Amino acid sequence: QAQVVESGGGLVQPGGSLTLSCTASVRIVGHYVMAWFRQFPGKDREFIAGIGSDTYYADSAKGRFTLSRDIAGYNFASLQMNSLKHEVTATYCCAVKRYDVYQDPSEYTSWGTGTKVTVSS
């Protein structure tokens, strides 16, 4: 099972930007893909974006969030989040699975512990 570690959460003002990072113990090209989810209190995890050989976004993330991969290491990806709003305050989690990007969190086999993002003035 892969090890997954997130970083980069914190407090940001409305309209601001934040970059989250995820590092896995496996290469996310070829056999593995990496995805970001967020979880609001009392809710299920919600897909934001995923990356393997291609990149996929939830409709809510298109245009404001960018997921990119570290080409050299192949085991690192960053999620750039722009124009943040209060309502996206949540715990953001990175996950890894084999082969294809799915939006269903139950398909992912390895998870980080999550990083809290708070959008507040």
C-alpha atoms as a PDB file:
ATOM      1  CA  GLN A   1       0.000   0.000   0.000  1.00  0.00           C
ATOM      2  CA  ALA A   2       1.340   3.424  -0.967  1.00  0.00           C
ATOM      3  CA  GLN A   3       2.177   6.088   1.565  1.00  0.00           C
ATOM      4  CA  VAL A   4       0.613   9.479   0.884  1.00  0.00           C
ATOM      5  CA  VAL A   5       1.468  12.795   2.565  1.00  0.00           C
ATOM      6  CA  GLU A   6      -0.257  16.149   2.034  1.00  0.00           C
ATOM      7  CA  SER A   7       0.956  19.600   2.934  1.00  0.00           C
ATOM      8  CA  GLY A   8       0.120  23.240   2.319  1.00  0.00           C
ATOM      9  CA  GLY A   9      -3.174  23.792   4.070  1.00  0.00           C
ATOM     10  CA  GLY A  10      -3.862  26.769   6.269  1.00  0.00           C
ATOM     11  CA  LEU A  11      -5.760  30.011   6.577  1.00  0.00           C
ATOM     12  CA  VAL A  12      -6.354  32.160   3.506  1.00  0.00           C
ATOM     13  CA  GLN A  13      -8.517  35.213   2.931  1.00  0.00           C
ATOM     14  CA  PRO A  14     -11.471  35.119   0.552  1.00  0.00           C
ATOM     15  CA  GLY A  15     -10.279  35.689  -2.991  1.00  0.00           C
ATOM     16  CA  GLY A  16      -6.825  34.435  -2.144  1.00  0.00           C
ATOM     17  CA  SER A  17      -4.841  31.471  -3.412  1.00  0.00           C
ATOM     18  CA  LEU A  18      -3.323  28.414  -1.828  1.00  0.00           C
ATOM     19  CA  THR A  19      -1.252  25.509  -3.117  1.00  0.00           C
ATOM     20  CA  LEU A  20      -1.575  22.030  -1.673  1.00  0.00           C
ATOM     21  CA  SER A  21       1.088  19.400  -2.248  1.00  0.00           C
ATOM     22  CA  CYS A  22       0.891  15.643  -2.244  1.00  0.00           C
ATOM     23  CA  THR A  23       3.761  13.186  -2.224  1.00  0.00           C
ATOM     24  CA  ALA A  24       3.303   9.465  -2.709  1.00  0.00           C
ATOM     25  CA  SER A  25       5.643   6.530  -2.272  1.00  0.00           C
ATOM     26  CA  VAL A  26       4.746   5.306  -5.770  1.00  0.00           C
ATOM     27  CA  ARG A  27       5.152   6.814  -9.207  1.00  0.00           C
ATOM     28  CA  ILE A  28       1.969   8.379 -10.532  1.00  0.00           C
ATOM     29  CA  VAL A  29       2.701   7.689 -14.153  1.00  0.00           C
ATOM     30  CA  GLY A  30       1.829   4.362 -15.666  1.00  0.00           C
ATOM     31  CA  HIS A  31       0.329   2.208 -12.938  1.00  0.00           C
ATOM     32  CA  TYR A  32      -0.895   4.793 -10.413  1.00  0.00           C
ATOM     33  CA  VAL A  33      -2.965   7.947 -10.385  1.00  0.00           C
ATOM     34  CA  MET A  34      -3.322  10.633  -7.708  1.00  0.00           C
ATOM     35  CA  ALA A  35      -6.416  12.593  -6.799  1.00  0.00           C
ATOM     36  CA  TRP A  36      -7.544  15.326  -4.440  1.00  0.00           C
ATOM     37  CA  PHE A  37     -10.784  15.209  -2.509  1.00  0.00           C
ATOM     38  CA  ARG A  38     -12.300  17.513   0.046  1.00  0.00           C
ATOM     39  CA  GLN A  39     -14.547  16.719   2.941  1.00  0.00           C
ATOM     40  CA  PHE A  40     -16.946  19.125   4.592  1.00  0.00           C
ATOM     41  CA  PRO A  41     -18.002  18.369   8.174  1.00  0.00           C
ATOM     42  CA  GLY A  42     -20.571  15.598   8.224  1.00  0.00           C
ATOM     43  CA  LYS A  43     -20.321  14.999   4.484  1.00  0.00           C
ATOM     44  CA  ASP A  44     -18.731  12.389   2.237  1.00  0.00           C
ATOM     45  CA  ARG A  45     -15.489  13.053   0.431  1.00  0.00           C
ATOM     46  CA  GLU A  46     -15.935  15.014  -2.783  1.00  0.00           C
ATOM     47  CA  PHE A  47     -13.699  14.632  -5.848  1.00  0.00           C
ATOM     48  CA  ILE A  48     -11.821  17.762  -6.918  1.00  0.00           C
ATOM     49  CA  ALA A  49      -9.204  16.671  -9.452  1.00  0.00           C
ATOM     50  CA  GLY A  50      -7.117  13.678 -10.456  1.00  0.00           C
ATOM     51  CA  ILE A  51      -3.960  13.136 -12.460  1.00  0.00           C
ATOM     52  CA  GLY A  52      -2.225  10.292 -14.180  1.00  0.00           C
ATOM     53  CA  SER A  53      -1.232  10.550 -17.797  1.00  0.00           C
ATOM     54  CA  ASP A  54      -4.120  13.050 -18.112  1.00  0.00           C
ATOM     55  CA  THR A  55      -5.747  15.483 -15.705  1.00  0.00           C
ATOM     56  CA  TYR A  56      -9.411  15.501 -14.716  1.00  0.00           C
ATOM     57  CA  TYR A  57     -11.435  18.086 -12.820  1.00  0.00           C
ATOM     58  CA  ALA A  58     -14.780  18.192 -11.122  1.00  0.00           C
ATOM     59  CA  ASP A  59     -17.034  20.879 -12.572  1.00  0.00           C
ATOM     60  CA  SER A  60     -16.699  22.841  -9.334  1.00  0.00           C
ATOM     61  CA  ALA A  61     -12.919  22.998  -9.771  1.00  0.00           C
ATOM     62  CA  LYS A  62     -12.645  23.883 -13.452  1.00  0.00           C
ATOM     63  CA  GLY A  63     -11.194  27.301 -14.087  1.00  0.00           C
ATOM     64  CA  ARG A  64     -10.087  27.957 -10.510  1.00  0.00           C
ATOM     65  CA  PHE A  65      -8.082  24.862  -9.504  1.00  0.00           C
ATOM     66  CA  THR A  66      -5.042  23.488 -11.337  1.00  0.00           C
ATOM     67  CA  LEU A  67      -3.515  20.086 -10.645  1.00  0.00           C
ATOM     68  CA  SER A  68      -0.009  19.510 -11.921  1.00  0.00           C
ATOM     69  CA  ARG A  69       2.549  16.779 -11.586  1.00  0.00           C
ATOM     70  CA  ASP A  70       6.248  16.886 -10.878  1.00  0.00           C
ATOM     71  CA  ILE A  71       7.713  15.572 -14.103  1.00  0.00           C
ATOM     72  CA  ALA A  72      11.105  14.687 -12.692  1.00  0.00           C
ATOM     73  CA  GLY A  73      10.026  12.676  -9.681  1.00  0.00           C
ATOM     74  CA  TYR A  74       6.687  11.355 -10.912  1.00  0.00           C
ATOM     75  CA  ASN A  75       5.473  10.954  -7.318  1.00  0.00           C
ATOM     76  CA  PHE A  76       4.460  14.531  -6.483  1.00  0.00           C
ATOM     77  CA  ALA A  77       1.532  16.665  -7.495  1.00  0.00           C
ATOM     78  CA  SER A  78       0.373  20.114  -6.468  1.00  0.00           C
ATOM     79  CA  LEU A  79      -3.117  21.574  -6.441  1.00  0.00           C
ATOM     80  CA  GLN A  80      -3.177  25.311  -7.068  1.00  0.00           C
ATOM     81  CA  MET A  81      -6.408  26.846  -5.796  1.00  0.00           C
ATOM     82  CA  ASN A  82      -7.362  30.386  -6.815  1.00  0.00           C
ATOM     83  CA  SER A  83     -10.196  32.789  -6.010  1.00  0.00           C
ATOM     84  CA  LEU A  84     -11.036  30.886  -2.862  1.00  0.00           C
ATOM     85  CA  LYS A  85     -14.398  31.373  -1.214  1.00  0.00           C
ATOM     86  CA  HIS A  86     -15.510  30.815   2.349  1.00  0.00           C
ATOM     87  CA  GLU A  87     -17.665  27.863   1.331  1.00  0.00           C
ATOM     88  CA  VAL A  88     -14.659  25.778   0.245  1.00  0.00           C
ATOM     89  CA  THR A  89     -13.387  25.605   3.826  1.00  0.00           C
ATOM     90  CA  ALA A  90     -12.844  21.884   4.338  1.00  0.00           C
ATOM     91  CA  THR A  91     -10.304  19.148   4.923  1.00  0.00           C
ATOM     92  CA  TYR A  92      -8.476  18.343   1.695  1.00  0.00           C
ATOM     93  CA  CYS A  93      -7.218  14.804   1.180  1.00  0.00           C
ATOM     94  CA  CYS A  94      -4.907  13.248  -1.367  1.00  0.00           C
ATOM     95  CA  ALA A  95      -5.319   9.655  -2.495  1.00  0.00           C
ATOM     96  CA  VAL A  96      -3.672   7.167  -4.808  1.00  0.00           C
ATOM     97  CA  LYS A  97      -5.003   4.193  -6.748  1.00  0.00           C
ATOM     98  CA  ARG A  98      -3.947   2.014  -9.602  1.00  0.00           C
ATOM     99  CA  TYR A  99      -4.537   2.795 -13.257  1.00  0.00           C
ATOM    100  CA  ASP A 100      -7.460   5.200 -13.829  1.00  0.00           C
ATOM    101  CA  VAL A 101      -8.786   8.357 -12.208  1.00  0.00           C
ATOM    102  CA  TYR A 102     -12.213   7.773 -10.689  1.00  0.00           C
ATOM    103  CA  GLN A 103     -14.380  10.276  -8.858  1.00  0.00           C
ATOM    104  CA  ASP A 104     -15.616   7.686  -6.356  1.00  0.00           C
ATOM    105  CA  PRO A 105     -13.424   7.914  -3.238  1.00  0.00           C
ATOM    106  CA  SER A 106     -14.101   4.261  -2.384  1.00  0.00           C
ATOM    107  CA  GLU A 107     -11.987   3.263  -5.395  1.00  0.00           C
ATOM    108  CA  TYR A 108      -8.819   4.713  -3.840  1.00  0.00           C
ATOM    109  CA  THR A 109      -6.601   2.417  -1.827  1.00  0.00           C
ATOM    110  CA  SER A 110      -4.176   4.800  -0.134  1.00  0.00           C
ATOM    111  CA  TRP A 111      -4.956   8.084   1.593  1.00  0.00           C
ATOM    112  CA  GLY A 112      -3.113  10.831   3.343  1.00  0.00           C
ATOM    113  CA  THR A 113      -4.354  12.152   6.673  1.00  0.00           C
ATOM    114  CA  GLY A 114      -5.659  15.374   5.109  1.00  0.00           C
ATOM    115  CA  THR A 115      -4.825  19.036   5.415  1.00  0.00           C
ATOM    116  CA  LYS A 116      -7.251  21.693   6.615  1.00  0.00           C
ATOM    117  CA  VAL A 117      -8.021  24.690   4.425  1.00  0.00           C
ATOM    118  CA  THR A 118      -9.830  27.589   6.047  1.00  0.00           C
ATOM    119  CA  VAL A 119     -11.034  30.527   3.961  1.00  0.00           C
ATOM    120  CA  SER A 120     -11.834  33.395   6.255  1.00  0.00           C
ATOM    121  CA  SER A 121     -11.219  37.089   6.677  1.00  0.00           C
END
